[in-house]
Amino acid sequence: MAKKSTISNFLANCIAYIRVTLSILCLVIQVPILHIESMIFGYTPERGFKYRRRFAAYYIFILNVKITKKGNSELKNALYVCNHRMMIDPLVLLRHCDAYIVSKAEVADYPVLGSGAKNTGVIFVQRDHRGSRAAIKEKIGELLERGDSVAIFPEGTVNLKDTTSDFSKGSFDQAASVGCAVVPVALDFADRSVYWGDDISLMAHFLDVFRRRRLVCDIVFGEPIYSNDPIELMEKSRTFIDDELIKMRVKWDNDPKLAKKVAAVAR
């Protein structure tokens, strides 16, 4: 039994290192190509989004994430509002919609990834800096005003509960003011153990995700919500997401075959 566990751990580590290597290679190759193309033809958001979708599709493929997607993700001039589970949530969301997205300011300093993010529609925010948060709120308003879409994770951090935690209201204020659509998005993974908890570092979580043989994920885009009342937008979005998360969990918990597949985690 111990020998089998040792072999399993060895194989899981091999899978993780191969995937990390492939991910780095993708960034090292694709980001310079994006920069060169932009220098020659000029930067456009469309080009940035095209490369970002390509990145997301590639990473989802190498991580073997099996995604079931429902709903319309192509609505223009919308605020996409999604719950947050773990590190690859933005990849899953942005694989399906072209929207500017808010990210932690630290990401801008990551080698290669940071420069790629800056040119693919990422807005950086310093969470503990009130001035930065106000500037981001204003920027989101400007983007929505000019007809662009924005994606946010209004919980502000990952959440381990079956339903959502409290939403931040700022972006809903902007959507209500502009009069654009708010599209609620429910996203979850069949295996709860893949969530990023407080007791695990980013690096440990990163390696854990890369060790997994397979991830099962559902993402549901709701019908657009319109209102000039930000509280109404926020509450309706949260209600939709909570309802869908409960449906997903009931489906997964009552599927013994899926439970067996979910348990097949490389460790």
C-alpha atoms as a PDB file:
ATOM      1  CA  MET A   1       0.000   0.000   0.000  1.00  0.00           C
ATOM      2  CA  ALA A   2       2.821   2.374   0.917  1.00  0.00           C
ATOM      3  CA  LYS A   3       4.600   1.509  -2.325  1.00  0.00           C
ATOM      4  CA  LYS A   4       1.444   2.223  -4.326  1.00  0.00           C
ATOM      5  CA  SER A   5       1.064   5.580  -2.570  1.00  0.00           C
ATOM      6  CA  THR A   6       4.701   6.459  -3.315  1.00  0.00           C
ATOM      7  CA  ILE A   7       4.245   5.645  -7.001  1.00  0.00           C
ATOM      8  CA  SER A   8       1.012   7.645  -7.108  1.00  0.00           C
ATOM      9  CA  ASN A   9       2.733  10.668  -5.555  1.00  0.00           C
ATOM     10  CA  PHE A  10       5.622  10.364  -7.987  1.00  0.00           C
ATOM     11  CA  LEU A  11       3.267  10.278 -10.975  1.00  0.00           C
ATOM     12  CA  ALA A  12       1.281  13.225  -9.606  1.00  0.00           C
ATOM     13  CA  ASN A  13       4.468  15.254  -9.225  1.00  0.00           C
ATOM     14  CA  CYS A  14       5.501  14.348 -12.769  1.00  0.00           C
ATOM     15  CA  ILE A  15       2.116  15.519 -14.056  1.00  0.00           C
ATOM     16  CA  ALA A  16       2.452  18.786 -12.132  1.00  0.00           C
ATOM     17  CA  TYR A  17       5.971  19.570 -13.366  1.00  0.00           C
ATOM     18  CA  ILE A  18       5.098  18.743 -16.976  1.00  0.00           C
ATOM     19  CA  ARG A  19       2.065  21.014 -16.817  1.00  0.00           C
ATOM     20  CA  VAL A  20       3.999  23.840 -15.181  1.00  0.00           C
ATOM     21  CA  THR A  21       6.659  23.561 -17.891  1.00  0.00           C
ATOM     22  CA  LEU A  22       4.051  23.627 -20.660  1.00  0.00           C
ATOM     23  CA  SER A  23       2.339  26.625 -19.061  1.00  0.00           C
ATOM     24  CA  ILE A  24       5.573  28.587 -18.840  1.00  0.00           C
ATOM     25  CA  LEU A  25       6.439  27.711 -22.440  1.00  0.00           C
ATOM     26  CA  CYS A  26       3.055  28.976 -23.575  1.00  0.00           C
ATOM     27  CA  LEU A  27       3.591  32.314 -21.843  1.00  0.00           C
ATOM     28  CA  VAL A  28       7.186  32.667 -23.029  1.00  0.00           C
ATOM     29  CA  ILE A  29       6.124  32.051 -26.637  1.00  0.00           C
ATOM     30  CA  GLN A  30       2.723  33.744 -26.838  1.00  0.00           C
ATOM     31  CA  VAL A  31       3.317  36.955 -24.856  1.00  0.00           C
ATOM     32  CA  PRO A  32       6.234  38.157 -27.054  1.00  0.00           C
ATOM     33  CA  ILE A  33       4.178  37.313 -30.166  1.00  0.00           C
ATOM     34  CA  LEU A  34       1.330  39.425 -28.786  1.00  0.00           C
ATOM     35  CA  HIS A  35       3.717  42.334 -28.146  1.00  0.00           C
ATOM     36  CA  ILE A  36       5.317  42.075 -31.603  1.00  0.00           C
ATOM     37  CA  GLU A  37       1.927  41.902 -33.308  1.00  0.00           C
ATOM     38  CA  SER A  38       0.755  44.918 -31.320  1.00  0.00           C
ATOM     39  CA  MET A  39       3.875  46.920 -32.206  1.00  0.00           C
ATOM     40  CA  ILE A  40       3.415  46.198 -35.917  1.00  0.00           C
ATOM     41  CA  PHE A  41      -0.357  46.532 -36.234  1.00  0.00           C
ATOM     42  CA  GLY A  42      -1.153  48.569 -33.137  1.00  0.00           C
ATOM     43  CA  TYR A  43      -2.782  47.408 -29.931  1.00  0.00           C
ATOM     44  CA  THR A  44      -6.505  46.702 -29.977  1.00  0.00           C
ATOM     45  CA  PRO A  45      -8.664  45.208 -27.213  1.00  0.00           C
ATOM     46  CA  GLU A  46      -9.929  42.640 -29.720  1.00  0.00           C
ATOM     47  CA  ARG A  47      -6.404  41.345 -30.285  1.00  0.00           C
ATOM     48  CA  GLY A  48      -5.773  41.180 -26.557  1.00  0.00           C
ATOM     49  CA  PHE A  49      -9.001  39.278 -25.951  1.00  0.00           C
ATOM     50  CA  LYS A  50      -8.189  36.877 -28.807  1.00  0.00           C
ATOM     51  CA  TYR A  51      -4.860  35.972 -27.215  1.00  0.00           C
ATOM     52  CA  ARG A  52      -6.414  35.745 -23.773  1.00  0.00           C
ATOM     53  CA  ARG A  53      -9.048  33.276 -24.976  1.00  0.00           C
ATOM     54  CA  ARG A  54      -6.255  31.289 -26.578  1.00  0.00           C
ATOM     55  CA  PHE A  55      -4.257  31.266 -23.321  1.00  0.00           C
ATOM     56  CA  ALA A  56      -7.314  30.226 -21.317  1.00  0.00           C
ATOM     57  CA  ALA A  57      -8.234  27.416 -23.726  1.00  0.00           C
ATOM     58  CA  TYR A  58      -4.663  26.114 -23.644  1.00  0.00           C
ATOM     59  CA  TYR A  59      -4.417  26.070 -19.845  1.00  0.00           C
ATOM     60  CA  ILE A  60      -7.829  24.472 -19.486  1.00  0.00           C
ATOM     61  CA  PHE A  61      -6.687  21.769 -21.899  1.00  0.00           C
ATOM     62  CA  ILE A  62      -3.405  20.979 -20.143  1.00  0.00           C
ATOM     63  CA  LEU A  63      -5.105  20.972 -16.721  1.00  0.00           C
ATOM     64  CA  ASN A  64      -7.762  18.605 -18.119  1.00  0.00           C
ATOM     65  CA  VAL A  65     -10.677  20.715 -16.907  1.00  0.00           C
ATOM     66  CA  LYS A  66     -13.990  19.313 -18.137  1.00  0.00           C
ATOM     67  CA  ILE A  67     -16.363  22.280 -18.351  1.00  0.00           C
ATOM     68  CA  THR A  68     -20.122  22.200 -18.779  1.00  0.00           C
ATOM     69  CA  LYS A  69     -21.273  25.659 -19.865  1.00  0.00           C
ATOM     70  CA  LYS A  70     -24.833  26.980 -20.036  1.00  0.00           C
ATOM     71  CA  GLY A  71     -26.279  30.346 -20.980  1.00  0.00           C
ATOM     72  CA  ASN A  72     -25.280  33.253 -23.204  1.00  0.00           C
ATOM     73  CA  SER A  73     -21.748  34.541 -22.579  1.00  0.00           C
ATOM     74  CA  GLU A  74     -21.516  36.804 -25.637  1.00  0.00           C
ATOM     75  CA  LEU A  75     -23.590  39.784 -24.466  1.00  0.00           C
ATOM     76  CA  LYS A  76     -21.848  43.101 -25.139  1.00  0.00           C
ATOM     77  CA  ASN A  77     -21.695  46.033 -22.724  1.00  0.00           C
ATOM     78  CA  ALA A  78     -22.397  43.934 -19.648  1.00  0.00           C
ATOM     79  CA  LEU A  79     -21.098  43.572 -16.115  1.00  0.00           C
ATOM     80  CA  TYR A  80     -20.361  39.856 -15.632  1.00  0.00           C
ATOM     81  CA  VAL A  81     -20.633  38.988 -11.937  1.00  0.00           C
ATOM     82  CA  CYS A  82     -19.131  35.660 -10.825  1.00  0.00           C
ATOM     83  CA  ASN A  83     -18.543  33.837  -7.541  1.00  0.00           C
ATOM     84  CA  HIS A  84     -14.968  32.820  -6.654  1.00  0.00           C
ATOM     85  CA  ARG A  85     -13.597  29.385  -5.720  1.00  0.00           C
ATOM     86  CA  MET A  86      -9.933  29.146  -6.671  1.00  0.00           C
ATOM     87  CA  MET A  87      -7.033  30.250  -8.868  1.00  0.00           C
ATOM     88  CA  ILE A  88      -8.301  29.134 -12.276  1.00  0.00           C
ATOM     89  CA  ASP A  89     -11.757  30.748 -11.970  1.00  0.00           C
ATOM     90  CA  PRO A  90     -10.719  33.704 -14.186  1.00  0.00           C
ATOM     91  CA  LEU A  91      -9.466  31.294 -16.870  1.00  0.00           C
ATOM     92  CA  VAL A  92     -12.791  29.460 -16.940  1.00  0.00           C
ATOM     93  CA  LEU A  93     -14.799  32.695 -17.001  1.00  0.00           C
ATOM     94  CA  LEU A  94     -12.670  34.470 -19.607  1.00  0.00           C
ATOM     95  CA  ARG A  95     -12.563  31.407 -21.832  1.00  0.00           C
ATOM     96  CA  HIS A  96     -16.190  32.231 -22.586  1.00  0.00           C
ATOM     97  CA  CYS A  97     -16.507  36.031 -22.579  1.00  0.00           C
ATOM     98  CA  ASP A  98     -14.519  39.042 -23.764  1.00  0.00           C
ATOM     99  CA  ALA A  99     -14.498  41.400 -20.816  1.00  0.00           C
ATOM    100  CA  TYR A 100     -12.065  43.541 -18.883  1.00  0.00           C
ATOM    101  CA  ILE A 101     -11.332  41.988 -15.502  1.00  0.00           C
ATOM    102  CA  VAL A 102     -10.105  43.259 -12.147  1.00  0.00           C
ATOM    103  CA  SER A 103      -7.040  41.546 -10.659  1.00  0.00           C
ATOM    104  CA  LYS A 104      -4.727  41.963  -7.670  1.00  0.00           C
ATOM    105  CA  ALA A 105      -2.001  44.544  -8.269  1.00  0.00           C
ATOM    106  CA  GLU A 106       0.728  41.990  -7.475  1.00  0.00           C
ATOM    107  CA  VAL A 107      -0.029  40.127 -10.711  1.00  0.00           C
ATOM    108  CA  ALA A 108       1.308  43.094 -12.699  1.00  0.00           C
ATOM    109  CA  ASP A 109       4.787  42.368 -11.299  1.00  0.00           C
ATOM    110  CA  TYR A 110       4.831  38.660 -12.217  1.00  0.00           C
ATOM    111  CA  PRO A 111       7.476  37.863 -14.872  1.00  0.00           C
ATOM    112  CA  VAL A 112       5.978  37.486 -18.393  1.00  0.00           C
ATOM    113  CA  LEU A 113       2.465  36.919 -16.989  1.00  0.00           C
ATOM    114  CA  GLY A 114       2.244  40.510 -15.759  1.00  0.00           C
ATOM    115  CA  SER A 115       3.102  42.087 -19.104  1.00  0.00           C
ATOM    116  CA  GLY A 116       0.743  39.709 -20.887  1.00  0.00           C
ATOM    117  CA  ALA A 117      -2.069  40.568 -18.483  1.00  0.00           C
ATOM    118  CA  LYS A 118      -1.613  44.306 -19.035  1.00  0.00           C
ATOM    119  CA  ASN A 119      -2.246  43.819 -22.756  1.00  0.00           C
ATOM    120  CA  THR A 120      -5.216  41.479 -22.471  1.00  0.00           C
ATOM    121  CA  GLY A 121      -7.762  43.572 -20.619  1.00  0.00           C
ATOM    122  CA  VAL A 122      -6.701  43.224 -16.971  1.00  0.00           C
ATOM    123  CA  ILE A 123      -7.302  46.124 -14.551  1.00  0.00           C
ATOM    124  CA  PHE A 124      -5.074  46.037 -11.471  1.00  0.00           C
ATOM    125  CA  VAL A 125      -6.231  47.034  -7.989  1.00  0.00           C
ATOM    126  CA  GLN A 126      -4.395  47.396  -4.671  1.00  0.00           C
ATOM    127  CA  ARG A 127      -6.936  45.842  -2.309  1.00  0.00           C
ATOM    128  CA  ASP A 128      -5.818  47.654   0.830  1.00  0.00           C
ATOM    129  CA  HIS A 129      -5.488  51.053  -0.872  1.00  0.00           C
ATOM    130  CA  ARG A 130      -8.712  53.062  -0.810  1.00  0.00           C
ATOM    131  CA  GLY A 131      -7.547  55.406  -3.579  1.00  0.00           C
ATOM    132  CA  SER A 132      -6.805  52.481  -5.879  1.00  0.00           C
ATOM    133  CA  ARG A 133     -10.222  50.926  -5.242  1.00  0.00           C
ATOM    134  CA  ALA A 134     -11.946  54.238  -6.005  1.00  0.00           C
ATOM    135  CA  ALA A 135      -9.938  54.576  -9.221  1.00  0.00           C
ATOM    136  CA  ILE A 136     -10.894  51.046 -10.259  1.00  0.00           C
ATOM    137  CA  LYS A 137     -14.577  51.777  -9.621  1.00  0.00           C
ATOM    138  CA  GLU A 138     -14.286  54.878 -11.781  1.00  0.00           C
ATOM    139  CA  LYS A 139     -12.458  52.918 -14.499  1.00  0.00           C
ATOM    140  CA  ILE A 140     -15.179  50.236 -14.524  1.00  0.00           C
ATOM    141  CA  GLY A 141     -17.748  53.002 -14.976  1.00  0.00           C
ATOM    142  CA  GLU A 142     -15.781  54.441 -17.921  1.00  0.00           C
ATOM    143  CA  LEU A 143     -15.516  51.042 -19.619  1.00  0.00           C
ATOM    144  CA  LEU A 144     -19.225  50.325 -19.219  1.00  0.00           C
ATOM    145  CA  GLU A 145     -20.078  53.850 -20.387  1.00  0.00           C
ATOM    146  CA  ARG A 146     -18.188  53.385 -23.654  1.00  0.00           C
ATOM    147  CA  GLY A 147     -19.870  50.042 -24.365  1.00  0.00           C
ATOM    148  CA  ASP A 148     -17.278  47.547 -23.111  1.00  0.00           C
ATOM    149  CA  SER A 149     -17.884  44.588 -20.811  1.00  0.00           C
ATOM    150  CA  VAL A 150     -16.300  44.046 -17.395  1.00  0.00           C
ATOM    151  CA  ALA A 151     -16.005  40.848 -15.338  1.00  0.00           C
ATOM    152  CA  ILE A 152     -15.771  40.978 -11.543  1.00  0.00           C
ATOM    153  CA  PHE A 153     -15.639  38.643  -8.547  1.00  0.00           C
ATOM    154  CA  PRO A 154     -17.660  40.766  -6.085  1.00  0.00           C
ATOM    155  CA  GLU A 155     -16.934  38.534  -3.072  1.00  0.00           C
ATOM    156  CA  GLY A 156     -13.431  40.013  -3.206  1.00  0.00           C
ATOM    157  CA  THR A 157     -11.735  36.723  -2.339  1.00  0.00           C
ATOM    158  CA  VAL A 158     -12.257  32.975  -2.604  1.00  0.00           C
ATOM    159  CA  ASN A 159     -15.220  31.518  -0.739  1.00  0.00           C
ATOM    160  CA  LEU A 160     -15.454  27.933   0.567  1.00  0.00           C
ATOM    161  CA  LYS A 161     -19.163  27.942   1.456  1.00  0.00           C
ATOM    162  CA  ASP A 162     -21.752  26.238  -0.752  1.00  0.00           C
ATOM    163  CA  THR A 163     -23.312  29.639  -1.514  1.00  0.00           C
ATOM    164  CA  THR A 164     -21.850  33.117  -1.945  1.00  0.00           C
ATOM    165  CA  SER A 165     -20.499  35.444   0.727  1.00  0.00           C
ATOM    166  CA  ASP A 166     -21.279  39.190   0.831  1.00  0.00           C
ATOM    167  CA  PHE A 167     -20.859  41.135  -2.417  1.00  0.00           C
ATOM    168  CA  SER A 168     -19.125  44.484  -2.741  1.00  0.00           C
ATOM    169  CA  LYS A 169     -21.581  47.050  -4.152  1.00  0.00           C
ATOM    170  CA  GLY A 170     -19.204  49.368  -6.019  1.00  0.00           C
ATOM    171  CA  SER A 171     -19.436  47.858  -9.503  1.00  0.00           C
ATOM    172  CA  PHE A 172     -23.218  47.519  -9.229  1.00  0.00           C
ATOM    173  CA  ASP A 173     -23.367  51.282  -8.590  1.00  0.00           C
ATOM    174  CA  GLN A 174     -21.608  51.825 -11.902  1.00  0.00           C
ATOM    175  CA  ALA A 175     -23.818  49.383 -13.818  1.00  0.00           C
ATOM    176  CA  ALA A 176     -26.964  51.018 -12.414  1.00  0.00           C
ATOM    177  CA  SER A 177     -25.682  54.482 -13.289  1.00  0.00           C
ATOM    178  CA  VAL A 178     -24.796  53.519 -16.868  1.00  0.00           C
ATOM    179  CA  GLY A 179     -27.887  51.372 -17.373  1.00  0.00           C
ATOM    180  CA  CYS A 180     -26.016  48.379 -18.763  1.00  0.00           C
ATOM    181  CA  ALA A 181     -26.872  44.717 -18.249  1.00  0.00           C
ATOM    182  CA  VAL A 182     -25.629  42.733 -15.271  1.00  0.00           C
ATOM    183  CA  VAL A 183     -25.056  39.056 -16.087  1.00  0.00           C
ATOM    184  CA  PRO A 184     -24.785  36.781 -13.019  1.00  0.00           C
ATOM    185  CA  VAL A 185     -22.415  33.836 -13.456  1.00  0.00           C
ATOM    186  CA  ALA A 186     -22.337  30.751 -11.229  1.00  0.00           C
ATOM    187  CA  LEU A 187     -19.117  28.736 -11.320  1.00  0.00           C
ATOM    188  CA  ASP A 188     -18.183  25.696  -9.260  1.00  0.00           C
ATOM    189  CA  PHE A 189     -16.088  22.524  -9.167  1.00  0.00           C
ATOM    190  CA  ALA A 190     -17.381  19.062  -8.336  1.00  0.00           C
ATOM    191  CA  ASP A 191     -14.483  18.398  -5.976  1.00  0.00           C
ATOM    192  CA  ARG A 192     -14.607  20.782  -2.997  1.00  0.00           C
ATOM    193  CA  SER A 193     -11.028  19.905  -2.049  1.00  0.00           C
ATOM    194  CA  VAL A 194      -9.767  21.949  -4.992  1.00  0.00           C
ATOM    195  CA  TYR A 195     -11.004  25.198  -3.392  1.00  0.00           C
ATOM    196  CA  TRP A 196      -8.279  27.595  -2.248  1.00  0.00           C
ATOM    197  CA  GLY A 197      -8.584  27.731   1.548  1.00  0.00           C
ATOM    198  CA  ASP A 198      -6.990  30.095   4.065  1.00  0.00           C
ATOM    199  CA  ASP A 199      -4.744  27.312   5.341  1.00  0.00           C
ATOM    200  CA  ILE A 200      -2.839  26.886   2.072  1.00  0.00           C
ATOM    201  CA  SER A 201      -0.366  29.210   0.361  1.00  0.00           C
ATOM    202  CA  LEU A 202      -0.732  30.313  -3.250  1.00  0.00           C
ATOM    203  CA  MET A 203       2.188  28.120  -4.309  1.00  0.00           C
ATOM    204  CA  ALA A 204       0.826  25.059  -2.507  1.00  0.00           C
ATOM    205  CA  HIS A 205      -2.607  25.635  -4.043  1.00  0.00           C
ATOM    206  CA  PHE A 206      -1.012  26.132  -7.460  1.00  0.00           C
ATOM    207  CA  LEU A 207       0.852  22.817  -7.252  1.00  0.00           C
ATOM    208  CA  ASP A 208      -2.207  21.012  -5.896  1.00  0.00           C
ATOM    209  CA  VAL A 209      -4.276  22.124  -8.897  1.00  0.00           C
ATOM    210  CA  PHE A 210      -1.539  21.094 -11.320  1.00  0.00           C
ATOM    211  CA  ARG A 211      -1.339  17.638  -9.708  1.00  0.00           C
ATOM    212  CA  ARG A 212      -4.987  16.825 -10.355  1.00  0.00           C
ATOM    213  CA  ARG A 213      -5.684  14.290 -13.086  1.00  0.00           C
ATOM    214  CA  ARG A 214      -8.992  15.921 -13.948  1.00  0.00           C
ATOM    215  CA  LEU A 215     -11.240  18.753 -12.797  1.00  0.00           C
ATOM    216  CA  VAL A 216     -15.011  18.801 -13.316  1.00  0.00           C
ATOM    217  CA  CYS A 217     -16.490  22.287 -13.571  1.00  0.00           C
ATOM    218  CA  ASP A 218     -19.882  23.870 -14.328  1.00  0.00           C
ATOM    219  CA  ILE A 219     -20.397  27.485 -15.366  1.00  0.00           C
ATOM    220  CA  VAL A 220     -23.851  29.013 -15.886  1.00  0.00           C
ATOM    221  CA  PHE A 221     -24.472  32.464 -17.383  1.00  0.00           C
ATOM    222  CA  GLY A 222     -27.798  33.921 -16.284  1.00  0.00           C
ATOM    223  CA  GLU A 223     -30.230  36.179 -18.110  1.00  0.00           C
ATOM    224  CA  PRO A 224     -29.207  39.866 -18.154  1.00  0.00           C
ATOM    225  CA  ILE A 225     -30.589  41.994 -15.319  1.00  0.00           C
ATOM    226  CA  TYR A 226     -31.413  45.686 -15.802  1.00  0.00           C
ATOM    227  CA  SER A 227     -32.179  48.222 -13.079  1.00  0.00           C
ATOM    228  CA  ASN A 228     -31.197  51.707 -11.941  1.00  0.00           C
ATOM    229  CA  ASP A 229     -31.076  50.370  -8.369  1.00  0.00           C
ATOM    230  CA  PRO A 230     -27.649  48.873  -7.505  1.00  0.00           C
ATOM    231  CA  ILE A 231     -29.050  46.986  -4.498  1.00  0.00           C
ATOM    232  CA  GLU A 232     -31.599  45.269  -6.726  1.00  0.00           C
ATOM    233  CA  LEU A 233     -28.892  44.350  -9.240  1.00  0.00           C
ATOM    234  CA  MET A 234     -26.685  42.968  -6.495  1.00  0.00           C
ATOM    235  CA  GLU A 235     -29.415  40.995  -4.721  1.00  0.00           C
ATOM    236  CA  LYS A 236     -30.854  39.484  -7.914  1.00  0.00           C
ATOM    237  CA  SER A 237     -27.366  38.488  -9.071  1.00  0.00           C
ATOM    238  CA  ARG A 238     -26.543  36.862  -5.764  1.00  0.00           C
ATOM    239  CA  THR A 239     -29.871  35.012  -5.652  1.00  0.00           C
ATOM    240  CA  PHE A 240     -29.328  33.570  -9.137  1.00  0.00           C
ATOM    241  CA  ILE A 241     -25.772  32.486  -8.360  1.00  0.00           C
ATOM    242  CA  ASP A 242     -26.746  30.901  -5.031  1.00  0.00           C
ATOM    243  CA  ASP A 243     -29.612  28.977  -6.645  1.00  0.00           C
ATOM    244  CA  GLU A 244     -27.351  27.638  -9.395  1.00  0.00           C
ATOM    245  CA  LEU A 245     -24.586  26.679  -6.951  1.00  0.00           C
ATOM    246  CA  ILE A 246     -27.092  24.666  -4.916  1.00  0.00           C
ATOM    247  CA  LYS A 247     -28.334  22.906  -8.079  1.00  0.00           C
ATOM    248  CA  MET A 248     -24.765  22.016  -9.059  1.00  0.00           C
ATOM    249  CA  ARG A 249     -23.956  20.622  -5.627  1.00  0.00           C
ATOM    250  CA  VAL A 250     -27.146  18.537  -5.503  1.00  0.00           C
ATOM    251  CA  LYS A 251     -26.376  17.146  -8.964  1.00  0.00           C
ATOM    252  CA  TRP A 252     -22.808  16.215  -8.073  1.00  0.00           C
ATOM    253  CA  ASP A 253     -23.601  14.839  -4.619  1.00  0.00           C
ATOM    254  CA  ASN A 254     -26.234  12.513  -6.095  1.00  0.00           C
ATOM    255  CA  ASP A 255     -24.090  11.127  -8.905  1.00  0.00           C
ATOM    256  CA  PRO A 256     -22.072   8.130  -7.586  1.00  0.00           C
ATOM    257  CA  LYS A 257     -20.198   7.683 -10.876  1.00  0.00           C
ATOM    258  CA  LEU A 258     -19.106  11.301 -10.838  1.00  0.00           C
ATOM    259  CA  ALA A 259     -18.153  11.028  -7.170  1.00  0.00           C
ATOM    260  CA  LYS A 260     -15.833   8.158  -8.045  1.00  0.00           C
ATOM    261  CA  LYS A 261     -14.230  10.180 -10.854  1.00  0.00           C
ATOM    262  CA  VAL A 262     -13.852  13.210  -8.595  1.00  0.00           C
ATOM    263  CA  ALA A 263     -12.112  11.044  -6.013  1.00  0.00           C
ATOM    264  CA  ALA A 264      -9.523  10.028  -8.610  1.00  0.00           C
ATOM    265  CA  VAL A 265      -7.117  12.801  -7.678  1.00  0.00           C
ATOM    266  CA  ALA A 266      -3.414  12.298  -8.337  1.00  0.00           C
ATOM    267  CA  ARG A 267      -1.628  12.537  -4.982  1.00  0.00           C
END
